[in-house]
Protein backbone atom coordinates (compact mmCIF):
# COMPACT_ATOMS: atom_id res chain seq x y z
CA UNK A 1 18.15 -4.35 -52.74
CA UNK A 2 19.91 -0.94 -52.64
CA UNK A 3 16.37 1.01 -52.06
CA UNK A 4 15.01 -2.19 -49.02
CA UNK A 5 18.48 -0.98 -47.25
CA UNK A 6 17.86 2.70 -47.87
CA UNK A 7 14.12 2.39 -46.51
CA UNK A 8 15.62 0.56 -43.15
CA UNK A 9 18.31 3.14 -43.15
CA UNK A 10 15.80 5.74 -42.71
CA UNK A 11 14.00 4.10 -40.29
CA UNK A 12 17.11 3.96 -38.54
CA UNK A 13 17.50 7.48 -38.11
CA UNK A 14 13.76 8.40 -37.48
CA UNK A 15 14.16 6.79 -34.25
CA UNK A 16 17.71 8.29 -33.58
CA UNK A 17 15.92 11.93 -34.25
CA UNK A 18 12.99 10.91 -31.53
CA UNK A 19 16.30 9.60 -29.39
CA UNK A 20 17.51 12.77 -29.31
CA UNK A 21 14.80 14.67 -27.83
CA UNK A 22 13.41 12.06 -25.16
CA UNK A 23 15.03 9.82 -22.69
CA UNK A 24 15.21 6.24 -24.19
CA UNK A 25 13.88 4.18 -21.20
CA UNK A 26 14.38 -0.15 -21.60
CA UNK A 27 11.96 -2.03 -20.35
CA UNK A 28 13.14 -4.38 -17.37
CA UNK A 29 13.10 -8.04 -17.81
CA UNK A 30 9.68 -9.66 -16.46
CA UNK A 31 10.41 -12.46 -13.87
CA UNK A 32 7.10 -12.81 -12.40
CA UNK A 33 2.81 -12.52 -13.21
CA UNK A 34 0.26 -10.17 -12.79
CA UNK A 35 -0.71 -11.66 -9.68
CA UNK A 36 2.62 -11.09 -8.04
CA UNK A 37 3.19 -7.39 -9.49
CA UNK A 38 -0.60 -7.30 -7.24
CA UNK A 39 1.73 -8.22 -4.14
CA UNK A 40 4.85 -5.93 -4.50
CA UNK A 41 3.55 -3.52 -6.76
CA UNK A 42 0.29 -2.21 -6.06
CA UNK A 43 -0.28 -3.40 -2.51
CA UNK A 44 3.08 -2.45 -1.67
CA UNK A 45 2.26 0.86 -2.57
CA UNK A 46 -0.79 1.63 -1.31
CA UNK A 47 0.18 0.43 2.20
CA UNK A 48 2.71 2.65 2.11
CA UNK A 49 0.12 5.52 1.06
CA UNK A 50 -2.20 4.81 3.45
CA UNK A 51 0.88 4.35 6.06
CA UNK A 52 1.40 8.56 4.83
CA UNK A 53 -2.08 9.74 5.48
CA UNK A 54 -2.14 8.45 8.42
CA UNK A 55 1.39 9.64 9.41
CA UNK A 56 0.38 13.48 8.32
CA UNK A 57 -2.15 13.82 11.05
CA UNK A 58 -0.70 17.42 11.60
CA UNK A 59 -2.99 17.55 8.17
CA UNK A 60 -5.83 15.81 9.34
CA UNK A 61 -6.22 16.17 12.78
CA UNK A 62 -4.07 15.64 16.06
CA UNK A 63 -4.08 11.69 17.16
CA UNK A 64 -6.20 12.72 20.22
CA UNK A 65 -7.68 15.54 22.37
CA UNK A 66 -8.94 15.51 25.33
CA UNK A 67 -11.22 17.38 27.97
CA UNK A 68 -10.44 17.41 32.02
CA UNK A 69 -10.51 19.26 35.04
CA UNK A 70 -8.45 22.50 34.80
CA UNK A 71 -6.45 21.44 37.61
CA UNK A 72 -4.77 19.21 35.25
CA UNK A 73 -2.66 20.48 31.69
CA UNK A 74 -4.29 19.77 28.32
CA UNK A 75 -0.51 18.78 27.09
CA UNK A 76 -0.63 15.86 30.03
CA UNK A 77 -3.90 13.91 30.16
CA UNK A 78 -3.18 14.18 25.85
CA UNK A 79 0.02 12.60 26.16
CA UNK A 80 -1.07 10.22 29.10
CA UNK A 81 -4.00 8.98 27.60
CA UNK A 82 -2.78 8.56 24.35
CA UNK A 83 0.55 6.71 25.47
CA UNK A 84 -1.25 4.52 27.87
CA UNK A 85 -4.96 3.88 26.64
CA UNK A 86 -8.64 4.67 26.06
CA UNK A 87 -11.61 3.17 26.80
CA UNK A 88 -15.46 2.75 25.53
CA UNK A 89 -17.91 1.49 28.29
CA UNK A 90 -20.12 -1.66 26.71
CA UNK A 91 -23.16 -0.77 28.41
CA UNK A 92 -23.11 3.08 27.02
CA UNK A 93 -23.01 1.38 23.10
CA UNK A 94 -26.36 2.12 22.85
CA UNK A 95 -28.06 3.75 25.47
CA UNK A 96 -30.27 6.97 25.16
CA UNK A 97 -30.62 9.98 27.15
CA UNK A 98 -33.57 12.85 27.34
CA UNK A 99 -34.26 10.55 23.67
CA UNK A 100 -31.01 11.64 21.80
CA UNK A 101 -28.23 9.07 21.02
CA UNK A 102 -25.09 9.76 23.06
CA UNK A 103 -21.72 8.97 21.77
CA UNK A 104 -21.58 5.47 21.65
CA UNK A 105 -19.41 3.90 24.46
CA UNK A 106 -19.37 7.25 26.44
CA UNK A 107 -21.23 7.74 30.02
CA UNK A 108 -21.53 7.05 33.37
CA UNK A 109 -19.71 3.95 34.41
CA UNK A 110 -18.34 1.67 37.04
CA UNK A 111 -14.89 0.67 36.52
CA UNK A 112 -14.76 -1.84 39.29
CA UNK A 113 -18.55 -3.39 37.67
CA UNK A 114 -18.99 -2.42 34.68
CA UNK A 115 -16.99 -3.83 31.18
CA UNK A 116 -15.02 -1.73 29.37
CA UNK A 117 -13.18 -2.18 25.97
CA UNK A 118 -9.63 -0.30 25.64
CA UNK A 119 -8.53 1.13 22.71
CA UNK A 120 -4.82 0.98 22.22
CA UNK A 121 -4.08 0.02 18.43
CA UNK A 122 -3.92 3.61 17.16
CA UNK A 123 -0.58 4.06 19.05
CA UNK A 124 0.60 1.13 15.97
CA UNK A 125 -1.42 2.02 13.49
CA UNK A 126 1.34 3.60 10.89
CA UNK A 127 3.70 1.01 12.27
CA UNK A 128 1.56 -1.64 11.23
CA UNK A 129 0.77 -0.45 8.06
CA UNK A 130 4.69 0.35 7.12
CA UNK A 131 5.06 -3.58 8.54
CA UNK A 132 2.35 -4.48 6.17
CA UNK A 133 3.82 -3.03 3.17
CA UNK A 134 7.07 -4.51 3.73
CA UNK A 135 5.48 -7.96 4.11
CA UNK A 136 4.16 -8.00 0.49
CA UNK A 137 7.54 -7.11 -0.49
CA UNK A 138 9.89 -9.84 0.42
CA UNK A 139 8.43 -12.80 -1.19
CA UNK A 140 9.52 -10.62 -4.62
CA UNK A 141 13.02 -9.70 -2.89
CA UNK A 142 13.27 -13.74 -2.19
CA UNK A 143 12.51 -14.69 -5.88
CA UNK A 144 14.87 -12.27 -7.09
CA UNK A 145 17.55 -13.50 -5.37
CA UNK A 146 16.65 -16.92 -6.00
CA UNK A 147 16.27 -16.13 -9.65
CA UNK A 148 19.22 -15.60 -9.87
CA UNK A 149 18.95 -13.24 -13.30
CA UNK A 150 18.78 -16.13 -14.84
CA UNK A 151 15.95 -15.01 -17.66
CA UNK A 152 17.95 -11.87 -17.71
CA UNK A 153 21.05 -14.14 -18.90
CA UNK A 154 19.15 -15.57 -21.76
CA UNK A 155 16.97 -12.50 -23.05
CA UNK A 156 19.83 -9.90 -22.61
CA UNK A 157 21.42 -8.08 -25.63
CA UNK A 158 17.63 -8.46 -27.95
CA UNK A 159 16.16 -5.44 -26.63
CA UNK A 160 16.53 -3.53 -29.94
CA UNK A 161 15.89 -6.63 -31.97
CA UNK A 162 12.86 -5.37 -34.09
CA UNK A 163 15.33 -2.48 -34.73
CA UNK A 164 18.28 -4.36 -36.09
CA UNK A 165 17.71 -3.64 -39.84
CA UNK A 166 20.90 -2.81 -41.08
CA UNK A 167 24.13 -4.63 -41.18
CA UNK A 168 25.99 -2.12 -39.00
CA UNK A 169 26.04 -0.97 -35.93
CA UNK A 170 24.11 2.36 -34.84
CA UNK A 171 24.76 4.44 -31.79
CA UNK A 172 21.47 6.06 -30.07
CA UNK A 173 23.54 7.50 -27.41
CA UNK A 174 26.40 7.18 -25.07
CA UNK A 175 25.17 4.49 -23.30
CA UNK A 176 22.55 2.88 -25.69
CA UNK A 177 23.80 0.94 -29.64
CA UNK A 178 21.42 -0.77 -31.88
CA UNK A 179 23.39 -3.83 -33.01
CA UNK A 180 23.94 -4.77 -36.62
CA UNK A 181 21.80 -6.80 -37.82
CA UNK A 182 24.26 -9.89 -38.51
CA UNK A 183 25.15 -9.98 -34.73
CA UNK A 184 21.82 -10.84 -34.17
CA UNK A 185 21.52 -14.18 -35.88
CA UNK A 186 25.12 -14.82 -33.75
CA UNK A 187 23.11 -14.40 -30.85
CA UNK A 188 19.84 -15.92 -31.38
CA UNK A 189 22.26 -19.34 -32.22
CA UNK A 190 23.81 -18.88 -28.35
CA UNK A 191 20.63 -18.38 -26.70
CA UNK A 192 19.32 -21.39 -28.66
CA UNK A 193 22.14 -23.77 -27.75
CA UNK A 194 22.63 -22.29 -24.15
CA UNK A 195 18.87 -23.22 -23.73
CA UNK A 196 19.10 -26.69 -24.69
CA UNK A 197 22.39 -27.93 -22.72
CA UNK A 198 20.17 -26.52 -19.49
CA UNK A 199 17.32 -28.45 -20.62
CA UNK A 200 16.55 -30.29 -17.69
CA UNK A 201 18.45 -28.70 -14.73
CA UNK A 202 15.83 -25.46 -14.53
CA UNK A 203 13.97 -27.96 -11.63
CA UNK A 204 15.47 -25.17 -8.98
CA UNK A 205 14.41 -22.28 -10.58
CA UNK A 206 10.74 -23.12 -11.28
CA UNK A 207 10.01 -24.87 -8.00
CA UNK A 208 11.81 -21.12 -6.52
CA UNK A 209 8.84 -19.66 -8.74
CA UNK A 210 6.38 -21.76 -7.07
CA UNK A 211 7.52 -21.51 -3.45
CA UNK A 212 7.33 -17.47 -3.71
CA UNK A 213 3.77 -17.65 -5.34
CA UNK A 214 3.20 -19.94 -2.36
CA UNK A 215 4.72 -17.34 0.34
CA UNK A 216 2.22 -14.71 -1.42
CA UNK A 217 -0.64 -16.81 -0.14
CA UNK A 218 0.64 -16.98 3.15
CA UNK A 219 1.49 -13.75 3.10
CA UNK A 220 -2.47 -12.90 2.71
CA UNK A 221 -3.81 -15.27 5.33
CA UNK A 222 -1.08 -13.69 7.83
CA UNK A 223 -2.16 -10.40 7.32
CA UNK A 224 -5.75 -10.75 7.61
CA UNK A 225 -5.85 -13.04 11.18
CA UNK A 226 -2.83 -10.15 11.78
CA UNK A 227 -5.11 -7.36 11.49
CA UNK A 228 -8.20 -9.21 13.13
CA UNK A 229 -6.11 -9.65 16.75
CA UNK A 230 -4.34 -6.45 16.01
CA UNK A 231 -8.38 -4.84 15.98
CA UNK A 232 -9.53 -6.90 19.08
CA UNK A 233 -11.44 -9.62 16.59
CA UNK A 234 -13.53 -7.11 14.28
CA UNK A 235 -11.27 -7.17 10.92
CA UNK A 236 -12.49 -10.34 9.57
CA UNK A 237 -16.35 -9.51 9.49
CA UNK A 238 -15.68 -6.08 9.36
CA UNK A 239 -17.15 -5.25 5.63
CA UNK A 240 -19.91 -7.32 5.98
CA UNK A 241 -20.81 -5.06 9.09
CA UNK A 242 -20.49 -2.00 7.00
CA UNK A 243 -22.08 -3.03 4.42
CA UNK A 244 -25.12 -4.87 6.56
CA UNK A 245 -25.61 -3.15 9.44
CA UNK A 246 -27.31 -5.06 12.35
CA UNK A 247 -28.48 -2.32 15.08
CA UNK A 248 -29.05 1.63 15.01
CA UNK A 249 -25.25 1.71 15.80
CA UNK A 250 -22.78 2.45 13.33
CA UNK A 251 -19.90 -1.10 13.65
CA UNK A 252 -17.54 1.47 12.92
CA UNK A 253 -18.13 3.72 15.39
CA UNK A 254 -17.44 0.58 17.82
CA UNK A 255 -14.74 -0.58 15.94
CA UNK A 256 -12.97 2.94 15.60
CA UNK A 257 -14.04 5.30 18.30
CA UNK A 258 -14.55 8.99 17.69
CA UNK A 259 -15.37 9.94 21.33
CA UNK A 260 -13.51 7.86 24.18
CA UNK A 261 -13.03 8.18 28.13
CA UNK A 262 -9.28 8.41 29.84
CA UNK A 263 -8.73 8.08 33.20
CA UNK A 264 -6.20 9.72 35.10
CA UNK A 265 -4.58 9.23 38.52
CA UNK A 266 -3.37 12.36 40.44
CA UNK A 267 -2.04 12.88 44.01
CA UNK A 268 -3.82 15.43 46.01
CA UNK A 269 -2.17 17.72 48.55
CA UNK A 270 -2.80 15.35 51.41
CA UNK A 271 -1.42 11.92 49.42
CA UNK A 272 -4.74 11.04 48.34
CA UNK A 273 -5.42 9.20 44.79
CA UNK A 274 -7.40 11.69 42.91
CA UNK A 275 -9.36 10.22 39.70
CA UNK A 276 -9.72 12.70 37.05
CA UNK A 277 -12.45 11.38 34.33
CA UNK A 278 -11.54 13.11 31.13
CA UNK A 279 -13.11 12.53 27.43
CA UNK A 280 -10.76 12.46 24.65
CA UNK A 281 -11.80 13.54 21.20
CA UNK A 282 -10.17 10.77 18.39
CA UNK A 283 -10.45 12.21 14.99
CA UNK A 284 -7.23 10.19 13.17
CA UNK A 285 -9.84 7.56 13.75
CA UNK A 286 -11.87 8.99 11.12
CA UNK A 287 -9.29 7.93 8.59
CA UNK A 288 -8.41 4.94 10.20
CA UNK A 289 -11.43 3.15 9.37
CA UNK A 290 -11.45 4.41 6.13
CA UNK A 291 -8.25 2.67 5.76
CA UNK A 292 -9.26 -0.67 7.22
CA UNK A 293 -12.56 -1.32 5.48
CA UNK A 294 -10.85 -0.40 2.40
CA UNK A 295 -8.12 -3.39 3.42
CA UNK A 296 -11.05 -5.49 3.98
CA UNK A 297 -12.13 -5.50 0.09
CA UNK A 298 -8.59 -4.94 -0.96
CA UNK A 299 -7.39 -8.35 0.68
CA UNK A 300 -10.67 -10.06 -0.39
CA UNK A 301 -9.44 -8.93 -4.10
CA UNK A 302 -5.82 -9.65 -3.88
CA UNK A 303 -6.93 -12.94 -1.80
CA UNK A 304 -9.08 -14.12 -4.92
CA UNK A 305 -6.44 -13.06 -7.20
CA UNK A 306 -3.53 -15.51 -5.43
CA UNK A 307 -5.68 -18.73 -5.34
CA UNK A 308 -7.01 -18.15 -8.76
CA UNK A 309 -2.47 -17.66 -9.65
CA UNK A 310 -2.25 -21.02 -7.42
CA UNK A 311 -5.01 -22.97 -9.44
CA UNK A 312 -3.35 -21.05 -12.77
CA UNK A 313 -0.17 -22.96 -12.12
CA UNK A 314 -1.50 -26.21 -10.95
CA UNK A 315 -3.64 -26.07 -14.61
CA UNK A 316 -0.27 -25.59 -16.33
CA UNK A 317 1.31 -28.42 -14.74
CA UNK A 318 -0.75 -30.33 -15.67
CA UNK A 319 -1.88 -29.41 -19.51
CA UNK A 320 1.67 -27.78 -21.06
CA UNK A 321 2.90 -31.53 -22.00
CA UNK A 322 -0.60 -33.17 -22.65
CA UNK A 323 -2.75 -30.53 -24.70
CA UNK A 324 -0.46 -28.88 -27.14
CA UNK A 325 -3.00 -26.64 -27.75
CA UNK A 326 -2.51 -24.91 -24.56
CA UNK A 327 1.19 -24.54 -25.02
CA UNK A 328 0.33 -22.94 -28.48
CA UNK A 329 -2.30 -20.24 -26.93
CA UNK A 330 0.01 -19.66 -23.76
CA UNK A 331 3.37 -18.61 -26.48
CA UNK A 332 1.25 -16.52 -28.62
CA UNK A 333 -0.26 -14.48 -25.58
CA UNK A 334 3.66 -14.16 -24.07
CA UNK A 335 5.10 -13.89 -27.61
CA UNK A 336 3.17 -12.45 -31.45
CA UNK A 337 6.00 -14.94 -33.22
CA UNK A 338 4.32 -17.68 -34.97
CA UNK A 339 5.56 -20.79 -34.56
CA UNK A 340 5.50 -24.10 -36.38
CA UNK A 341 3.30 -26.93 -35.25
CA UNK A 342 6.00 -29.92 -35.66
CA UNK A 343 8.71 -27.61 -34.06
CA UNK A 344 6.31 -27.39 -30.78
CA UNK A 345 5.64 -30.37 -30.80
CA UNK A 346 9.02 -32.06 -30.78
CA UNK A 347 10.39 -29.58 -28.71
CA UNK A 348 7.88 -29.70 -25.52
CA UNK A 349 7.90 -33.47 -26.17
CA UNK A 350 11.57 -33.04 -24.48
CA UNK A 351 10.81 -30.52 -21.98
CA UNK A 352 10.05 -30.74 -18.41
CA UNK A 353 7.20 -28.49 -16.84
CA UNK A 354 10.66 -26.20 -15.37
CA UNK A 355 11.73 -26.02 -18.67
CA UNK A 356 8.22 -25.35 -20.41
CA UNK A 357 8.48 -22.32 -17.92
CA UNK A 358 11.45 -20.73 -18.66
CA UNK A 359 11.01 -20.97 -22.12
CA UNK A 360 7.11 -19.17 -21.44
CA UNK A 361 9.73 -15.85 -19.44
CA UNK A 362 11.80 -16.33 -22.46
CA UNK A 363 8.99 -15.36 -24.71
CA UNK A 364 7.80 -13.16 -22.74
CA UNK A 365 11.15 -10.68 -22.61
CA UNK A 366 12.18 -11.07 -26.57
CA UNK A 367 10.32 -9.50 -29.62
CA UNK A 368 8.42 -12.10 -31.65
CA UNK A 369 11.01 -11.57 -34.36
CA UNK A 370 13.89 -13.24 -32.22
CA UNK A 371 11.67 -15.73 -30.42
CA UNK A 372 10.66 -17.11 -33.71
CA UNK A 373 14.08 -17.55 -35.04
CA UNK A 374 15.52 -18.27 -31.90
CA UNK A 375 12.64 -21.28 -31.30
CA UNK A 376 13.09 -22.40 -35.63
CA UNK A 377 16.77 -23.79 -34.86
CA UNK A 378 15.38 -26.07 -31.40
CA UNK A 379 14.52 -29.36 -33.26
CA UNK A 380 17.89 -29.24 -35.02
CA UNK A 381 19.51 -28.50 -32.07
CA UNK A 382 17.69 -31.08 -29.79
CA UNK A 383 18.52 -33.63 -32.69
CA UNK A 384 15.46 -33.37 -34.41
CA UNK A 385 15.38 -33.45 -38.06
CA UNK A 386 14.08 -29.97 -39.65
CA UNK A 387 10.49 -29.63 -40.84
CA UNK A 388 9.42 -29.25 -44.19
CA UNK A 389 7.95 -25.75 -44.31
CA UNK A 390 6.28 -26.30 -47.70
CA UNK A 391 4.35 -28.96 -46.73
CA UNK A 392 3.00 -27.26 -43.41
CA UNK A 393 1.49 -23.69 -43.01
CA UNK A 394 2.46 -21.43 -39.62
CA UNK A 395 0.89 -21.70 -36.20
CA UNK A 396 -2.88 -20.22 -36.29
CA UNK A 397 -3.20 -21.90 -39.66
CA UNK A 398 -4.62 -25.11 -40.31
CA UNK A 399 -2.56 -27.85 -40.62
CA UNK A 400 -3.09 -29.90 -43.61
CA UNK A 401 -0.34 -31.04 -46.20
CA UNK A 402 -0.07 -29.01 -49.84
CA UNK A 403 -0.30 -32.04 -52.14
CA UNK A 404 -2.67 -35.07 -51.27
CA UNK A 405 -1.56 -37.28 -53.91
CA UNK A 406 2.09 -37.02 -52.60
CA UNK A 407 1.08 -38.49 -49.22
CA UNK A 408 -1.31 -41.34 -51.32
CA UNK A 409 2.08 -41.85 -53.37
């Protein structure tokens, strides 16, 4: 016994020696799943990165650079064409001159009779990308508020459960301490009792989670159609048109033209209106086109994963109390602790879907040792008899009586 205590104390001392030369960081409490993180972590950050690329135009080239008559300052025509809009001519998209392809949409135009496409979205691209990033994060803010730190309430204090090896509190640094092993039993009993007392009162918590998952799906659909409107009806088919072009003109040169036209009106010396035709280079559209092609594929990926997450939620709702093996598999995915079949069966019988979901998140956030100790006492807390551990094996093994003669007698 003394040798065992010395071994455990040595493990703790080894951990302390490592902690003195490294910063200890506790794992944050997980209150969502991988699909949810795909929205507020990956999508949110990717859109912020895209915003930074567009805003960094001083490194990538100016927004617009126009060529006009000598009588007009380049700063004036650049500011005017950027703040109003530029346009391309529909009939000149696929027109050739002298055997060579001119810039798509650029050429002689009669504004009174020919159809033109005005381009003004480039003014708003950084603002729209930033707004999209915020929209991906809003469901997480809503869920964090509705969740009310309930999971944290249950799992707080179990961060160092695997390291509670000796019956003595160990100080790691000024803020962190490893509790004594004897304290863990008290905390596990309190956790088990608190969970049992709240059985049947977790519907609001579970409904809030499902609502925020639906909010994620609605956000993807809304943003896809918002970008369709923003790009003049060209977003929903953008990826397909890039992969399978139709005709000799690149679709990206039509949606994100690098060369456009702009008309500047100026009063002459006698008061007559003089029209100045300007040719504008749009260097930042080379970045915009790549961003929106990437977003097209990313929205497809996020949308498919989100729909899969909702189907998974429906599947868990239907099978959590009807198929014991389903619950066994999910709890083993969430936590490596071995659970008794009889205890599991009896506990699942009295739990609603909301209680079952909360149990899964508790399993995700505490170590297998602590979760097994908590789960083993559920039957007693619920008023059931304790299972006979000598007659049945644990989760992952075949559940058979050890002595068939005793069963026959």
